[in-house]
């Protein structure tokens, strides 16, 4: 598949993920202040399921080999680029401090699926994920639009 087409698909996927992450973070922040949002429960559950599937996909794509990591075969070029960014972020403990990078994506999946998860911990993990997706999104935009 052509590089531009992969970048377009990656851009669209990343925009959807950012929207879902923002929805969940907003819900968690409002919940911390005691503001309930009963009307958005279906959208929230759907967002959580999609993010859990995405996090499990990241976890499945990365295998641990001794002290390092390896990306499994069968991942397209844009996804491979994102996984590399994820692996690099795990090594940047000053910039990425959440459990997403200190432990694993499965830890964040468990928090998303839990009813009594620590909202602060989940917000931090989702914020780090959002930052990483934004970095990857910038690469997609550069590939699509070029240097302006």
Protein backbone atom coordinates (compact mmCIF):
# COMPACT_ATOMS: atom_id res chain seq x y z
CA UNK A 1 0.00 0.00 0.00
CA UNK A 2 1.22 3.45 -0.84
CA UNK A 3 2.85 5.52 1.92
CA UNK A 4 0.32 8.35 1.61
CA UNK A 5 -2.60 5.96 1.98
CA UNK A 6 -1.06 4.41 5.10
CA UNK A 7 -0.55 7.91 6.50
CA UNK A 8 -4.18 8.81 5.78
CA UNK A 9 -5.45 5.68 7.53
CA UNK A 10 -3.09 6.29 10.44
CA UNK A 11 -4.19 9.93 10.68
CA UNK A 12 -7.87 8.94 10.78
CA UNK A 13 -7.24 6.19 13.35
CA UNK A 14 -5.26 8.57 15.54
CA UNK A 15 -7.97 11.22 15.39
CA UNK A 16 -10.56 8.68 16.54
CA UNK A 17 -8.28 7.52 19.36
CA UNK A 18 -7.66 11.10 20.50
CA UNK A 19 -11.39 11.76 20.55
CA UNK A 20 -12.01 8.64 22.66
CA UNK A 21 -9.17 9.45 25.05
CA UNK A 22 -10.44 13.01 25.49
CA UNK A 23 -13.96 11.71 26.18
CA UNK A 24 -12.71 9.36 28.90
CA UNK A 25 -10.37 11.93 30.48
CA UNK A 26 -13.17 14.50 30.58
CA UNK A 27 -15.51 11.97 32.18
CA UNK A 28 -12.88 11.04 34.81
CA UNK A 29 -12.13 14.67 35.63
CA UNK A 30 -15.83 15.50 36.00
CA UNK A 31 -16.27 12.39 38.14
CA UNK A 32 -13.46 13.58 40.43
CA UNK A 33 -15.46 16.77 41.02
CA UNK A 34 -18.65 14.83 41.67
CA UNK A 35 -20.36 15.72 38.40
CA UNK A 36 -22.19 12.71 36.95
CA UNK A 37 -22.85 12.24 33.23
CA UNK A 38 -25.52 9.56 32.98
CA UNK A 39 -26.51 10.48 29.42
CA UNK A 40 -23.11 9.56 27.96
CA UNK A 41 -22.72 6.10 29.51
CA UNK A 42 -23.12 4.20 26.21
CA UNK A 43 -20.54 6.38 24.45
CA UNK A 44 -18.17 6.03 27.38
CA UNK A 45 -18.46 2.23 27.45
CA UNK A 46 -17.86 2.10 23.70
CA UNK A 47 -14.82 4.39 24.03
CA UNK A 48 -13.40 2.24 26.82
CA UNK A 49 -13.83 -0.96 24.79
CA UNK A 50 -12.11 0.51 21.74
CA UNK A 51 -9.21 1.81 23.86
CA UNK A 52 -8.85 -1.51 25.67
CA UNK A 53 -8.64 -3.28 22.29
CA UNK A 54 -6.06 -0.73 21.08
CA UNK A 55 -3.93 -1.15 24.22
CA UNK A 56 -4.07 -4.93 23.93
CA UNK A 57 -3.00 -4.63 20.29
CA UNK A 58 0.01 -2.53 21.35
CA UNK A 59 0.88 -5.08 24.02
CA UNK A 60 0.56 -7.96 21.56
CA UNK A 61 2.74 -6.20 18.97
CA UNK A 62 5.63 -5.75 21.40
CA UNK A 63 7.51 -8.76 22.69
CA UNK A 64 10.12 -8.56 25.40
CA UNK A 65 13.46 -10.09 24.57
CA UNK A 66 15.82 -10.03 27.52
CA UNK A 67 16.50 -6.36 28.22
CA UNK A 68 15.03 -5.12 24.95
CA UNK A 69 11.88 -5.19 22.86
CA UNK A 70 10.96 -6.47 19.44
CA UNK A 71 8.00 -5.65 17.21
CA UNK A 72 6.16 -8.70 15.94
CA UNK A 73 5.81 -9.24 12.21
CA UNK A 74 2.55 -8.47 10.47
CA UNK A 75 2.29 -4.86 11.63
CA UNK A 76 2.03 -2.23 8.86
CA UNK A 77 4.66 0.49 8.48
CA UNK A 78 2.69 3.26 10.24
CA UNK A 79 1.72 0.99 13.14
CA UNK A 80 5.33 -0.19 13.37
CA UNK A 81 6.41 3.45 13.60
CA UNK A 82 3.94 4.04 16.44
CA UNK A 83 5.13 0.90 18.27
CA UNK A 84 8.73 2.11 17.94
CA UNK A 85 7.67 5.45 19.46
CA UNK A 86 6.00 3.53 22.27
CA UNK A 87 9.14 1.48 22.93
CA UNK A 88 11.28 4.66 22.88
CA UNK A 89 8.84 6.34 25.28
CA UNK A 90 9.28 3.46 27.74
CA UNK A 91 12.93 4.49 27.95
CA UNK A 92 12.09 8.17 28.55
CA UNK A 93 11.05 7.88 32.19
CA UNK A 94 11.36 11.62 32.80
CA UNK A 95 8.89 12.51 30.07
CA UNK A 96 6.52 9.53 30.32
CA UNK A 97 5.87 8.73 33.98
CA UNK A 98 2.57 6.83 33.95
CA UNK A 99 1.96 3.11 34.40
CA UNK A 100 1.45 2.82 30.65
CA UNK A 101 5.21 3.11 30.23
CA UNK A 102 6.45 1.97 33.65
CA UNK A 103 4.46 -1.27 33.50
CA UNK A 104 2.43 -2.20 30.41
CA UNK A 105 -0.58 -1.30 28.27
CA UNK A 106 -2.42 -4.19 29.93
CA UNK A 107 -2.26 -2.34 33.26
CA UNK A 108 -4.07 0.60 31.68
CA UNK A 109 -6.58 -1.79 30.08
CA UNK A 110 -7.29 -3.22 33.52
CA UNK A 111 -7.85 0.29 34.89
CA UNK A 112 -10.22 1.11 32.04
CA UNK A 113 -12.21 -2.04 32.73
CA UNK A 114 -12.29 -1.52 36.50
CA UNK A 115 -15.13 0.30 38.23
CA UNK A 116 -12.99 1.42 41.16
CA UNK A 117 -9.76 2.42 39.38
CA UNK A 118 -7.72 5.33 40.65
CA UNK A 119 -8.90 8.18 38.37
CA UNK A 120 -5.64 10.13 38.75
CA UNK A 121 -3.55 7.16 37.67
CA UNK A 122 -5.80 6.48 34.69
CA UNK A 123 -5.85 10.15 33.65
CA UNK A 124 -2.02 10.24 33.78
CA UNK A 125 -1.76 7.09 31.63
CA UNK A 126 -4.30 8.33 29.09
CA UNK A 127 -2.63 11.74 28.95
CA UNK A 128 0.72 10.08 28.20
CA UNK A 129 -0.93 7.96 25.52
CA UNK A 130 -2.56 11.06 24.05
CA UNK A 131 0.83 12.83 23.96
CA UNK A 132 2.42 9.87 22.17
CA UNK A 133 -0.42 9.72 19.64
CA UNK A 134 -0.06 13.47 19.03
CA UNK A 135 3.65 12.97 18.27
CA UNK A 136 2.79 10.23 15.81
CA UNK A 137 0.03 12.37 14.31
CA UNK A 138 2.58 15.07 13.57
CA UNK A 139 4.55 12.57 11.47
CA UNK A 140 1.41 11.62 9.56
CA UNK A 141 0.65 15.27 8.86
CA UNK A 142 4.20 15.89 7.70
CA UNK A 143 3.93 12.94 5.32
CA UNK A 144 0.56 14.14 4.00
CA UNK A 145 1.14 17.87 3.82
CA UNK A 146 4.90 18.18 3.75
CA UNK A 147 6.89 21.09 5.11
CA UNK A 148 4.84 24.25 4.92
